[in-house]
Amino acid sequence: MSNDQSPDTGPTPENMVSYSEQLLNISIARLTFLLEGYGEPRPGLGKDLAEEFRGLRKALEIAYHERANLQKLKGVEAAGTAPELDLDAARAEIGRRLDRLRAARDRDGIS
């Protein structure tokens, strides 16, 4: 039997952002459900709300972190693998430094 699905290659930055957004949506839905029933007093509601707020905060942190990682990776890809060197500026700087060394030496050639 053949399986037309490709093998799982593991988490990618795009998948991690998607997963973190799903986690955030789940946390928001659970908190909304608790807040809708907030008018009805029941034992443990305060504790449940506090736990959901902590969960929401953690989900927000994860989503923000994964989005930042993705942006960082996209920035690295857009910039290329290595920045281009300005050889003319480097040559000019070397010339300036050599000129300063020549000016600093005495008659015997020792600085």
PDB file of N, CA and C in Angstrom:
ATOM      1  N   MET A   1       0.836  -1.168   0.000  1.00  0.00           N
ATOM      2  CA  MET A   1       0.000   0.000   0.000  1.00  0.00           C
ATOM      3  C   MET A   1       0.886   1.238   0.000  1.00  0.00           C
ATOM      4  N   SER A   2       0.422   2.227  -0.690  1.00  0.00           N
ATOM      5  CA  SER A   2       1.198   3.461  -0.734  1.00  0.00           C
ATOM      6  C   SER A   2       0.451   4.552   0.009  1.00  0.00           C
ATOM      7  N   ASN A   3       1.219   5.440   0.525  1.00  0.00           N
ATOM      8  CA  ASN A   3       0.665   6.567   1.253  1.00  0.00           C
ATOM      9  C   ASN A   3       1.024   7.826   0.477  1.00  0.00           C
ATOM     10  N   ASP A   4       0.026   8.574   0.039  1.00  0.00           N
ATOM     11  CA  ASP A   4       0.266   9.764  -0.772  1.00  0.00           C
ATOM     12  C   ASP A   4       0.710  10.956   0.064  1.00  0.00           C
ATOM     13  N   GLN A   5       0.644  10.848   1.370  1.00  0.00           N
ATOM     14  CA  GLN A   5       1.046  11.953   2.217  1.00  0.00           C
ATOM     15  C   GLN A   5       2.567  11.978   2.346  1.00  0.00           C
ATOM     16  N   SER A   6       3.119  13.192   2.365  1.00  0.00           N
ATOM     17  CA  SER A   6       4.558  13.316   2.533  1.00  0.00           C
ATOM     18  C   SER A   6       4.921  13.065   3.994  1.00  0.00           C
ATOM     19  N   PRO A   7       6.129  12.592   4.248  1.00  0.00           N
ATOM     20  CA  PRO A   7       6.512  12.332   5.633  1.00  0.00           C
ATOM     21  C   PRO A   7       6.615  13.638   6.417  1.00  0.00           C
ATOM     22  N   ASP A   8       6.378  13.535   7.694  1.00  0.00           N
ATOM     23  CA  ASP A   8       6.463  14.696   8.578  1.00  0.00           C
ATOM     24  C   ASP A   8       7.917  15.120   8.704  1.00  0.00           C
ATOM     25  N   THR A   9       8.208  16.346   8.310  1.00  0.00           N
ATOM     26  CA  THR A   9       9.583  16.843   8.359  1.00  0.00           C
ATOM     27  C   THR A   9       9.889  17.557   9.659  1.00  0.00           C
ATOM     28  N   GLY A  10       8.957  17.593  10.559  1.00  0.00           N
ATOM     29  CA  GLY A  10       9.175  18.258  11.840  1.00  0.00           C
ATOM     30  C   GLY A  10       8.653  19.679  11.818  1.00  0.00           C
ATOM     31  N   PRO A  11       8.775  20.342  12.944  1.00  0.00           N
ATOM     32  CA  PRO A  11       8.239  21.701  13.029  1.00  0.00           C
ATOM     33  C   PRO A  11       9.083  22.697  12.232  1.00  0.00           C
ATOM     34  N   THR A  12       8.402  23.531  11.490  1.00  0.00           N
ATOM     35  CA  THR A  12       9.059  24.623  10.784  1.00  0.00           C
ATOM     36  C   THR A  12       8.679  25.921  11.481  1.00  0.00           C
ATOM     37  N   PRO A  13       9.402  26.998  11.229  1.00  0.00           N
ATOM     38  CA  PRO A  13       9.021  28.268  11.867  1.00  0.00           C
ATOM     39  C   PRO A  13       7.584  28.675  11.546  1.00  0.00           C
ATOM     40  N   GLU A  14       7.161  28.439  10.300  1.00  0.00           N
ATOM     41  CA  GLU A  14       5.783  28.783   9.931  1.00  0.00           C
ATOM     42  C   GLU A  14       4.780  27.933  10.704  1.00  0.00           C
ATOM     43  N   ASN A  15       5.077  26.622  10.859  1.00  0.00           N
ATOM     44  CA  ASN A  15       4.188  25.744  11.623  1.00  0.00           C
ATOM     45  C   ASN A  15       4.125  26.174  13.080  1.00  0.00           C
ATOM     46  N   MET A  16       5.261  26.559  13.633  1.00  0.00           N
ATOM     47  CA  MET A  16       5.289  26.954  15.039  1.00  0.00           C
ATOM     48  C   MET A  16       4.437  28.197  15.267  1.00  0.00           C
ATOM     49  N   VAL A  17       4.470  29.140  14.328  1.00  0.00           N
ATOM     50  CA  VAL A  17       3.616  30.328  14.446  1.00  0.00           C
ATOM     51  C   VAL A  17       2.155  29.907  14.379  1.00  0.00           C
ATOM     52  N   SER A  18       1.838  29.006  13.465  1.00  0.00           N
ATOM     53  CA  SER A  18       0.460  28.530  13.327  1.00  0.00           C
ATOM     54  C   SER A  18       0.008  27.816  14.602  1.00  0.00           C
ATOM     55  N   TYR A  19       0.861  26.954  15.136  1.00  0.00           N
ATOM     56  CA  TYR A  19       0.515  26.236  16.369  1.00  0.00           C
ATOM     57  C   TYR A  19       0.337  27.202  17.536  1.00  0.00           C
ATOM     58  N   SER A  20       1.211  28.190  17.635  1.00  0.00           N
ATOM     59  CA  SER A  20       1.106  29.129  18.752  1.00  0.00           C
ATOM     60  C   SER A  20      -0.161  29.975  18.621  1.00  0.00           C
ATOM     61  N   GLU A  21      -0.558  30.307  17.392  1.00  0.00           N
ATOM     62  CA  GLU A  21      -1.799  31.055  17.203  1.00  0.00           C
ATOM     63  C   GLU A  21      -3.010  30.191  17.547  1.00  0.00           C
ATOM     64  N   GLN A  22      -2.951  28.905  17.232  1.00  0.00           N
ATOM     65  CA  GLN A  22      -4.036  27.997  17.612  1.00  0.00           C
ATOM     66  C   GLN A  22      -4.134  27.906  19.132  1.00  0.00           C
ATOM     67  N   LEU A  23      -2.996  27.813  19.789  1.00  0.00           N
ATOM     68  CA  LEU A  23      -2.975  27.775  21.252  1.00  0.00           C
ATOM     69  C   LEU A  23      -3.573  29.050  21.826  1.00  0.00           C
ATOM     70  N   LEU A  24      -3.236  30.172  21.234  1.00  0.00           N
ATOM     71  CA  LEU A  24      -3.776  31.455  21.677  1.00  0.00           C
ATOM     72  C   LEU A  24      -5.290  31.490  21.486  1.00  0.00           C
ATOM     73  N   ASN A  25      -5.780  31.018  20.353  1.00  0.00           N
ATOM     74  CA  ASN A  25      -7.231  31.002  20.109  1.00  0.00           C
ATOM     75  C   ASN A  25      -7.959  30.093  21.087  1.00  0.00           C
ATOM     76  N   ILE A  26      -7.380  28.950  21.399  1.00  0.00           N
ATOM     77  CA  ILE A  26      -7.987  28.037  22.371  1.00  0.00           C
ATOM     78  C   ILE A  26      -8.061  28.698  23.743  1.00  0.00           C
ATOM     79  N   SER A  27      -6.976  29.354  24.130  1.00  0.00           N
ATOM     80  CA  SER A  27      -6.946  30.018  25.434  1.00  0.00           C
ATOM     81  C   SER A  27      -7.987  31.131  25.507  1.00  0.00           C
ATOM     82  N   ILE A  28      -8.114  31.893  24.439  1.00  0.00           N
ATOM     83  CA  ILE A  28      -9.117  32.970  24.399  1.00  0.00           C
ATOM     84  C   ILE A  28     -10.523  32.394  24.477  1.00  0.00           C
ATOM     85  N   ALA A  29     -10.768  31.300  23.760  1.00  0.00           N
ATOM     86  CA  ALA A  29     -12.103  30.682  23.776  1.00  0.00           C
ATOM     87  C   ALA A  29     -12.441  30.169  25.179  1.00  0.00           C
ATOM     88  N   ARG A  30     -11.477  29.546  25.843  1.00  0.00           N
ATOM     89  CA  ARG A  30     -11.735  29.026  27.195  1.00  0.00           C
ATOM     90  C   ARG A  30     -11.991  30.166  28.178  1.00  0.00           C
ATOM     91  N   LEU A  31     -11.225  31.241  28.059  1.00  0.00           N
ATOM     92  CA  LEU A  31     -11.413  32.390  28.944  1.00  0.00           C
ATOM     93  C   LEU A  31     -12.763  33.056  28.669  1.00  0.00           C
ATOM     94  N   THR A  32     -13.123  33.170  27.409  1.00  0.00           N
ATOM     95  CA  THR A  32     -14.422  33.748  27.055  1.00  0.00           C
ATOM     96  C   THR A  32     -15.557  32.912  27.623  1.00  0.00           C
ATOM     97  N   PHE A  33     -15.438  31.591  27.533  1.00  0.00           N
ATOM     98  CA  PHE A  33     -16.455  30.704  28.089  1.00  0.00           C
ATOM     99  C   PHE A  33     -16.604  30.925  29.591  1.00  0.00           C
ATOM    100  N   LEU A  34     -15.473  31.053  30.300  1.00  0.00           N
ATOM    101  CA  LEU A  34     -15.546  31.284  31.751  1.00  0.00           C
ATOM    102  C   LEU A  34     -16.144  32.647  32.068  1.00  0.00           C
ATOM    103  N   LEU A  35     -15.798  33.665  31.286  1.00  0.00           N
ATOM    104  CA  LEU A  35     -16.300  35.013  31.555  1.00  0.00           C
ATOM    105  C   LEU A  35     -17.796  35.127  31.262  1.00  0.00           C
ATOM    106  N   GLU A  36     -18.275  34.357  30.288  1.00  0.00           N
ATOM    107  CA  GLU A  36     -19.712  34.373  30.000  1.00  0.00           C
ATOM    108  C   GLU A  36     -20.503  33.832  31.178  1.00  0.00           C
ATOM    109  N   GLY A  37     -19.957  32.897  31.902  1.00  0.00           N
ATOM    110  CA  GLY A  37     -20.646  32.343  33.064  1.00  0.00           C
ATOM    111  C   GLY A  37     -20.234  33.014  34.362  1.00  0.00           C
ATOM    112  N   TYR A  38     -19.549  34.142  34.269  1.00  0.00           N
ATOM    113  CA  TYR A  38     -19.028  34.810  35.462  1.00  0.00           C
ATOM    114  C   TYR A  38     -20.142  35.340  36.357  1.00  0.00           C
ATOM    115  N   GLY A  39     -21.294  35.674  35.777  1.00  0.00           N
ATOM    116  CA  GLY A  39     -22.402  36.200  36.564  1.00  0.00           C
ATOM    117  C   GLY A  39     -23.022  35.150  37.466  1.00  0.00           C
ATOM    118  N   GLU A  40     -22.809  33.889  37.134  1.00  0.00           N
ATOM    119  CA  GLU A  40     -23.348  32.804  37.935  1.00  0.00           C
ATOM    120  C   GLU A  40     -22.277  32.342  38.922  1.00  0.00           C
ATOM    121  N   PRO A  41     -22.457  32.640  40.195  1.00  0.00           N
ATOM    122  CA  PRO A  41     -21.425  32.238  41.159  1.00  0.00           C
ATOM    123  C   PRO A  41     -21.351  30.716  41.285  1.00  0.00           C
ATOM    124  N   ARG A  42     -20.145  30.223  41.286  1.00  0.00           N
ATOM    125  CA  ARG A  42     -19.928  28.799  41.502  1.00  0.00           C
ATOM    126  C   ARG A  42     -18.581  28.637  42.182  1.00  0.00           C
ATOM    127  N   PRO A  43     -18.408  27.581  42.920  1.00  0.00           N
ATOM    128  CA  PRO A  43     -17.156  27.370  43.617  1.00  0.00           C
ATOM    129  C   PRO A  43     -16.005  27.154  42.630  1.00  0.00           C
ATOM    130  N   GLY A  44     -14.885  27.785  42.900  1.00  0.00           N
ATOM    131  CA  GLY A  44     -13.686  27.582  42.090  1.00  0.00           C
ATOM    132  C   GLY A  44     -13.614  28.437  40.838  1.00  0.00           C
ATOM    133  N   LEU A  45     -14.602  29.326  40.618  1.00  0.00           N
ATOM    134  CA  LEU A  45     -14.592  30.149  39.410  1.00  0.00           C
ATOM    135  C   LEU A  45     -13.395  31.094  39.408  1.00  0.00           C
ATOM    136  N   GLY A  46     -13.128  31.701  40.533  1.00  0.00           N
ATOM    137  CA  GLY A  46     -11.989  32.631  40.623  1.00  0.00           C
ATOM    138  C   GLY A  46     -10.677  31.935  40.308  1.00  0.00           C
ATOM    139  N   LYS A  47     -10.528  30.729  40.840  1.00  0.00           N
ATOM    140  CA  LYS A  47      -9.307  29.957  40.585  1.00  0.00           C
ATOM    141  C   LYS A  47      -9.206  29.601  39.103  1.00  0.00           C
ATOM    142  N   ASP A  48     -10.333  29.189  38.507  1.00  0.00           N
ATOM    143  CA  ASP A  48     -10.342  28.848  37.082  1.00  0.00           C
ATOM    144  C   ASP A  48      -9.992  30.058  36.218  1.00  0.00           C
ATOM    145  N   LEU A  49     -10.554  31.228  36.578  1.00  0.00           N
ATOM    146  CA  LEU A  49     -10.251  32.441  35.824  1.00  0.00           C
ATOM    147  C   LEU A  49      -8.770  32.794  35.931  1.00  0.00           C
ATOM    148  N   ALA A  50      -8.222  32.685  37.115  1.00  0.00           N
ATOM    149  CA  ALA A  50      -6.802  32.998  37.311  1.00  0.00           C
ATOM    150  C   ALA A  50      -5.927  32.059  36.482  1.00  0.00           C
ATOM    151  N   GLU A  51      -6.272  30.777  36.461  1.00  0.00           N
ATOM    152  CA  GLU A  51      -5.508  29.812  35.667  1.00  0.00           C
ATOM    153  C   GLU A  51      -5.603  30.111  34.177  1.00  0.00           C
ATOM    154  N   GLU A  52      -6.803  30.484  33.731  1.00  0.00           N
ATOM    155  CA  GLU A  52      -6.973  30.791  32.308  1.00  0.00           C
ATOM    156  C   GLU A  52      -6.232  32.068  31.920  1.00  0.00           C
ATOM    157  N   PHE A  53      -6.226  33.056  32.810  1.00  0.00           N
ATOM    158  CA  PHE A  53      -5.458  34.272  32.520  1.00  0.00           C
ATOM    159  C   PHE A  53      -3.964  33.953  32.428  1.00  0.00           C
ATOM    160  N   ARG A  54      -3.463  33.088  33.308  1.00  0.00           N
ATOM    161  CA  ARG A  54      -2.057  32.668  33.221  1.00  0.00           C
ATOM    162  C   ARG A  54      -1.801  31.930  31.913  1.00  0.00           C
ATOM    163  N   GLY A  55      -2.742  31.069  31.544  1.00  0.00           N
ATOM    164  CA  GLY A  55      -2.612  30.350  30.280  1.00  0.00           C
ATOM    165  C   GLY A  55      -2.629  31.289  29.080  1.00  0.00           C
ATOM    166  N   LEU A  56      -3.492  32.297  29.136  1.00  0.00           N
ATOM    167  CA  LEU A  56      -3.568  33.274  28.053  1.00  0.00           C
ATOM    168  C   LEU A  56      -2.258  34.055  27.949  1.00  0.00           C
ATOM    169  N   ARG A  57      -1.731  34.440  29.088  1.00  0.00           N
ATOM    170  CA  ARG A  57      -0.462  35.186  29.083  1.00  0.00           C
ATOM    171  C   ARG A  57       0.654  34.333  28.484  1.00  0.00           C
ATOM    172  N   LYS A  58       0.717  33.069  28.881  1.00  0.00           N
ATOM    173  CA  LYS A  58       1.751  32.174  28.348  1.00  0.00           C
ATOM    174  C   LYS A  58       1.551  31.962  26.846  1.00  0.00           C
ATOM    175  N   ALA A  59       0.310  31.812  26.409  1.00  0.00           N
ATOM    176  CA  ALA A  59       0.029  31.639  24.980  1.00  0.00           C
ATOM    177  C   ALA A  59       0.446  32.891  24.195  1.00  0.00           C
ATOM    178  N   LEU A  60       0.194  34.068  24.762  1.00  0.00           N
ATOM    179  CA  LEU A  60       0.620  35.306  24.113  1.00  0.00           C
ATOM    180  C   LEU A  60       2.142  35.371  24.005  1.00  0.00           C
ATOM    181  N   GLU A  61       2.828  34.984  25.076  1.00  0.00           N
ATOM    182  CA  GLU A  61       4.292  34.990  25.057  1.00  0.00           C
ATOM    183  C   GLU A  61       4.828  34.036  23.992  1.00  0.00           C
ATOM    184  N   ILE A  62       4.248  32.867  23.914  1.00  0.00           N
ATOM    185  CA  ILE A  62       4.696  31.878  22.926  1.00  0.00           C
ATOM    186  C   ILE A  62       4.448  32.392  21.510  1.00  0.00           C
ATOM    187  N   ALA A  63       3.252  32.930  21.268  1.00  0.00           N
ATOM    188  CA  ALA A  63       2.925  33.440  19.933  1.00  0.00           C
ATOM    189  C   ALA A  63       3.870  34.575  19.556  1.00  0.00           C
ATOM    190  N   TYR A  64       4.107  35.492  20.482  1.00  0.00           N
ATOM    191  CA  TYR A  64       5.015  36.611  20.208  1.00  0.00           C
ATOM    192  C   TYR A  64       6.422  36.105  19.921  1.00  0.00           C
ATOM    193  N   HIS A  65       6.887  35.167  20.709  1.00  0.00           N
ATOM    194  CA  HIS A  65       8.231  34.611  20.541  1.00  0.00           C
ATOM    195  C   HIS A  65       8.373  33.921  19.184  1.00  0.00           C
ATOM    196  N   GLU A  66       7.400  33.126  18.801  1.00  0.00           N
ATOM    197  CA  GLU A  66       7.466  32.406  17.530  1.00  0.00           C
ATOM    198  C   GLU A  66       7.382  33.368  16.342  1.00  0.00           C
ATOM    199  N   ARG A  67       6.554  34.392  16.455  1.00  0.00           N
ATOM    200  CA  ARG A  67       6.494  35.385  15.376  1.00  0.00           C
ATOM    201  C   ARG A  67       7.816  36.125  15.253  1.00  0.00           C
ATOM    202  N   ALA A  68       8.435  36.473  16.388  1.00  0.00           N
ATOM    203  CA  ALA A  68       9.733  37.150  16.357  1.00  0.00           C
ATOM    204  C   ALA A  68      10.794  36.253  15.733  1.00  0.00           C
ATOM    205  N   ASN A  69      10.774  34.960  16.079  1.00  0.00           N
ATOM    206  CA  ASN A  69      11.725  34.026  15.468  1.00  0.00           C
ATOM    207  C   ASN A  69      11.539  33.956  13.959  1.00  0.00           C
ATOM    208  N   LEU A  70      10.291  33.907  13.513  1.00  0.00           N
ATOM    209  CA  LEU A  70      10.016  33.836  12.085  1.00  0.00           C
ATOM    210  C   LEU A  70      10.502  35.101  11.378  1.00  0.00           C
ATOM    211  N   GLN A  71      10.239  36.260  11.973  1.00  0.00           N
ATOM    212  CA  GLN A  71      10.693  37.517  11.370  1.00  0.00           C
ATOM    213  C   GLN A  71      12.212  37.572  11.309  1.00  0.00           C
ATOM    214  N   LYS A  72      12.860  37.087  12.356  1.00  0.00           N
ATOM    215  CA  LYS A  72      14.316  37.066  12.384  1.00  0.00           C
ATOM    216  C   LYS A  72      14.858  36.162  11.281  1.00  0.00           C
ATOM    217  N   LEU A  73      14.254  34.987  11.126  1.00  0.00           N
ATOM    218  CA  LEU A  73      14.685  34.070  10.073  1.00  0.00           C
ATOM    219  C   LEU A  73      14.441  34.656   8.688  1.00  0.00           C
ATOM    220  N   LYS A  74      13.319  35.308   8.502  1.00  0.00           N
ATOM    221  CA  LYS A  74      13.044  35.923   7.205  1.00  0.00           C
ATOM    222  C   LYS A  74      14.021  37.051   6.933  1.00  0.00           C
ATOM    223  N   GLY A  75      14.409  37.780   7.960  1.00  0.00           N
ATOM    224  CA  GLY A  75      15.393  38.849   7.798  1.00  0.00           C
ATOM    225  C   GLY A  75      16.749  38.304   7.401  1.00  0.00           C
ATOM    226  N   VAL A  76      17.137  37.181   7.985  1.00  0.00           N
ATOM    227  CA  VAL A  76      18.417  36.555   7.642  1.00  0.00           C
ATOM    228  C   VAL A  76      18.377  36.056   6.209  1.00  0.00           C
ATOM    229  N   GLU A  77      17.277  35.453   5.810  1.00  0.00           N
ATOM    230  CA  GLU A  77      17.156  34.951   4.444  1.00  0.00           C
ATOM    231  C   GLU A  77      17.159  36.090   3.441  1.00  0.00           C
ATOM    232  N   ALA A  78      16.499  37.202   3.777  1.00  0.00           N
ATOM    233  CA  ALA A  78      16.436  38.335   2.860  1.00  0.00           C
ATOM    234  C   ALA A  78      17.796  39.011   2.729  1.00  0.00           C
ATOM    235  N   ALA A  79      18.558  39.020   3.810  1.00  0.00           N
ATOM    236  CA  ALA A  79      19.862  39.681   3.790  1.00  0.00           C
ATOM    237  C   ALA A  79      20.907  38.831   3.091  1.00  0.00           C
ATOM    238  N   GLY A  80      20.651  37.563   2.917  1.00  0.00           N
ATOM    239  CA  GLY A  80      21.640  36.681   2.309  1.00  0.00           C
ATOM    240  C   GLY A  80      22.473  36.017   3.383  1.00  0.00           C
ATOM    241  N   THR A  81      23.441  35.249   2.956  1.00  0.00           N
ATOM    242  CA  THR A  81      24.235  34.510   3.928  1.00  0.00           C
ATOM    243  C   THR A  81      25.329  35.356   4.540  1.00  0.00           C
ATOM    244  N   ALA A  82      25.884  36.292   3.789  1.00  0.00           N
ATOM    245  CA  ALA A  82      26.956  37.124   4.332  1.00  0.00           C
ATOM    246  C   ALA A  82      26.819  38.535   3.776  1.00  0.00           C
ATOM    247  N   PRO A  83      27.094  39.537   4.601  1.00  0.00           N
ATOM    248  CA  PRO A  83      27.030  40.899   4.098  1.00  0.00           C
ATOM    249  C   PRO A  83      28.179  41.153   3.122  1.00  0.00           C
ATOM    250  N   GLU A  84      27.963  42.052   2.213  1.00  0.00           N
ATOM    251  CA  GLU A  84      28.978  42.372   1.212  1.00  0.00           C
ATOM    252  C   GLU A  84      30.046  43.265   1.840  1.00  0.00           C
ATOM    253  N   LEU A  85      31.304  42.992   1.533  1.00  0.00           N
ATOM    254  CA  LEU A  85      32.408  43.773   2.069  1.00  0.00           C
ATOM    255  C   LEU A  85      32.677  44.979   1.178  1.00  0.00           C
ATOM    256  N   ASP A  86      32.980  46.110   1.795  1.00  0.00           N
ATOM    257  CA  ASP A  86      33.353  47.319   1.060  1.00  0.00           C
ATOM    258  C   ASP A  86      34.875  47.363   1.001  1.00  0.00           C
ATOM    259  N   LEU A  87      35.439  46.782  -0.048  1.00  0.00           N
ATOM    260  CA  LEU A  87      36.890  46.667  -0.159  1.00  0.00           C
ATOM    261  C   LEU A  87      37.561  48.013  -0.369  1.00  0.00           C
ATOM    262  N   ASP A  88      36.886  48.931  -1.031  1.00  0.00           N
ATOM    263  CA  ASP A  88      37.475  50.261  -1.230  1.00  0.00           C
ATOM    264  C   ASP A  88      37.622  50.995   0.097  1.00  0.00           C
ATOM    265  N   ALA A  89      36.623  50.897   0.953  1.00  0.00           N
ATOM    266  CA  ALA A  89      36.701  51.543   2.261  1.00  0.00           C
ATOM    267  C   ALA A  89      37.786  50.887   3.121  1.00  0.00           C
ATOM    268  N   ALA A  90      37.905  49.569   3.037  1.00  0.00           N
ATOM    269  CA  ALA A  90      38.937  48.864   3.795  1.00  0.00           C
ATOM    270  C   ALA A  90      40.322  49.272   3.306  1.00  0.00           C
ATOM    271  N   ARG A  91      40.502  49.372   2.000  1.00  0.00           N
ATOM    272  CA  ARG A  91      41.785  49.780   1.436  1.00  0.00           C
ATOM    273  C   ARG A  91      42.138  51.192   1.893  1.00  0.00           C
ATOM    274  N   ALA A  92      41.173  52.095   1.890  1.00  0.00           N
ATOM    275  CA  ALA A  92      41.412  53.474   2.330  1.00  0.00           C
ATOM    276  C   ALA A  92      41.782  53.518   3.804  1.00  0.00           C
ATOM    277  N   GLU A  93      41.129  52.726   4.625  1.00  0.00           N
ATOM    278  CA  GLU A  93      41.441  52.696   6.063  1.00  0.00           C
ATOM    279  C   GLU A  93      42.847  52.153   6.295  1.00  0.00           C
ATOM    280  N   ILE A  94      43.230  51.121   5.582  1.00  0.00           N
ATOM    281  CA  ILE A  94      44.588  50.563   5.721  1.00  0.00           C
ATOM    282  C   ILE A  94      45.617  51.613   5.318  1.00  0.00           C
ATOM    283  N   GLY A  95      45.341  52.335   4.248  1.00  0.00           N
ATOM    284  CA  GLY A  95      46.249  53.403   3.821  1.00  0.00           C
ATOM    285  C   GLY A  95      46.397  54.481   4.883  1.00  0.00           C
ATOM    286  N   ARG A  96      45.296  54.888   5.509  1.00  0.00           N
ATOM    287  CA  ARG A  96      45.353  55.903   6.566  1.00  0.00           C
ATOM    288  C   ARG A  96      46.182  55.413   7.752  1.00  0.00           C
ATOM    289  N   ARG A  97      45.995  54.178   8.121  1.00  0.00           N
ATOM    290  CA  ARG A  97      46.755  53.640   9.262  1.00  0.00           C
ATOM    291  C   ARG A  97      48.243  53.532   8.953  1.00  0.00           C
ATOM    292  N   LEU A  98      48.569  53.108   7.730  1.00  0.00           N
ATOM    293  CA  LEU A  98      49.983  53.048   7.344  1.00  0.00           C
ATOM    294  C   LEU A  98      50.610  54.437   7.332  1.00  0.00           C
ATOM    295  N   ASP A  99      49.869  55.424   6.862  1.00  0.00           N
ATOM    296  CA  ASP A  99      50.367  56.799   6.863  1.00  0.00           C
ATOM    297  C   ASP A  99      50.645  57.281   8.289  1.00  0.00           C
ATOM    298  N   ARG A 100      49.753  56.943   9.230  1.00  0.00           N
ATOM    299  CA  ARG A 100      49.976  57.335  10.630  1.00  0.00           C
ATOM    300  C   ARG A 100      51.194  56.637  11.210  1.00  0.00           C
ATOM    301  N   LEU A 101      51.385  55.374  10.876  1.00  0.00           N
ATOM    302  CA  LEU A 101      52.569  54.651  11.355  1.00  0.00           C
ATOM    303  C   LEU A 101      53.849  55.254  10.779  1.00  0.00           C
ATOM    304  N   ARG A 102      53.838  55.604   9.496  1.00  0.00           N
ATOM    305  CA  ARG A 102      55.010  56.220   8.886  1.00  0.00           C
ATOM    306  C   ARG A 102      55.315  57.574   9.519  1.00  0.00           C
ATOM    307  N   ALA A 103      54.281  58.339   9.820  1.00  0.00           N
ATOM    308  CA  ALA A 103      54.473  59.650  10.431  1.00  0.00           C
ATOM    309  C   ALA A 103      54.975  59.535  11.868  1.00  0.00           C
ATOM    310  N   ALA A 104      54.675  58.449  12.534  1.00  0.00           N
ATOM    311  CA  ALA A 104      55.050  58.288  13.936  1.00  0.00           C
ATOM    312  C   ALA A 104      56.481  57.786  14.122  1.00  0.00           C
ATOM    313  N   ARG A 105      57.107  57.245  13.090  1.00  0.00           N
ATOM    314  CA  ARG A 105      58.461  56.693  13.270  1.00  0.00           C
ATOM    315  C   ARG A 105      59.493  57.807  13.295  1.00  0.00           C
ATOM    316  N   ASP A 106      60.644  57.518  13.934  1.00  0.00           N
ATOM    317  CA  ASP A 106      61.720  58.503  14.016  1.00  0.00           C
ATOM    318  C   ASP A 106      62.704  58.316  12.862  1.00  0.00           C
ATOM    319  N   ARG A 107      63.863  58.989  12.927  1.00  0.00           N
ATOM    320  CA  ARG A 107      64.836  58.962  11.837  1.00  0.00           C
ATOM    321  C   ARG A 107      65.404  57.553  11.605  1.00  0.00           C
ATOM    322  N   ASP A 108      65.485  56.766  12.664  1.00  0.00           N
ATOM    323  CA  ASP A 108      66.055  55.425  12.541  1.00  0.00           C
ATOM    324  C   ASP A 108      65.033  54.406  12.056  1.00  0.00           C
ATOM    325  N   GLY A 109      63.809  54.824  11.849  1.00  0.00           N
ATOM    326  CA  GLY A 109      62.777  53.915  11.353  1.00  0.00           C
ATOM    327  C   GLY A 109      62.036  53.190  12.459  1.00  0.00           C
ATOM    328  N   ILE A 110      62.246  53.622  13.724  1.00  0.00           N
ATOM    329  CA  ILE A 110      61.572  52.993  14.847  1.00  0.00           C
ATOM    330  C   ILE A 110      60.541  53.957  15.408  1.00  0.00           C
ATOM    331  N   SER A 111      59.379  53.458  15.640  1.00  0.00           N
ATOM    332  CA  SER A 111      58.361  54.342  16.209  1.00  0.00           C
ATOM    333  C   SER A 111      58.448  54.395  17.715  1.00  0.00           C
TER     334      SER A 111
END
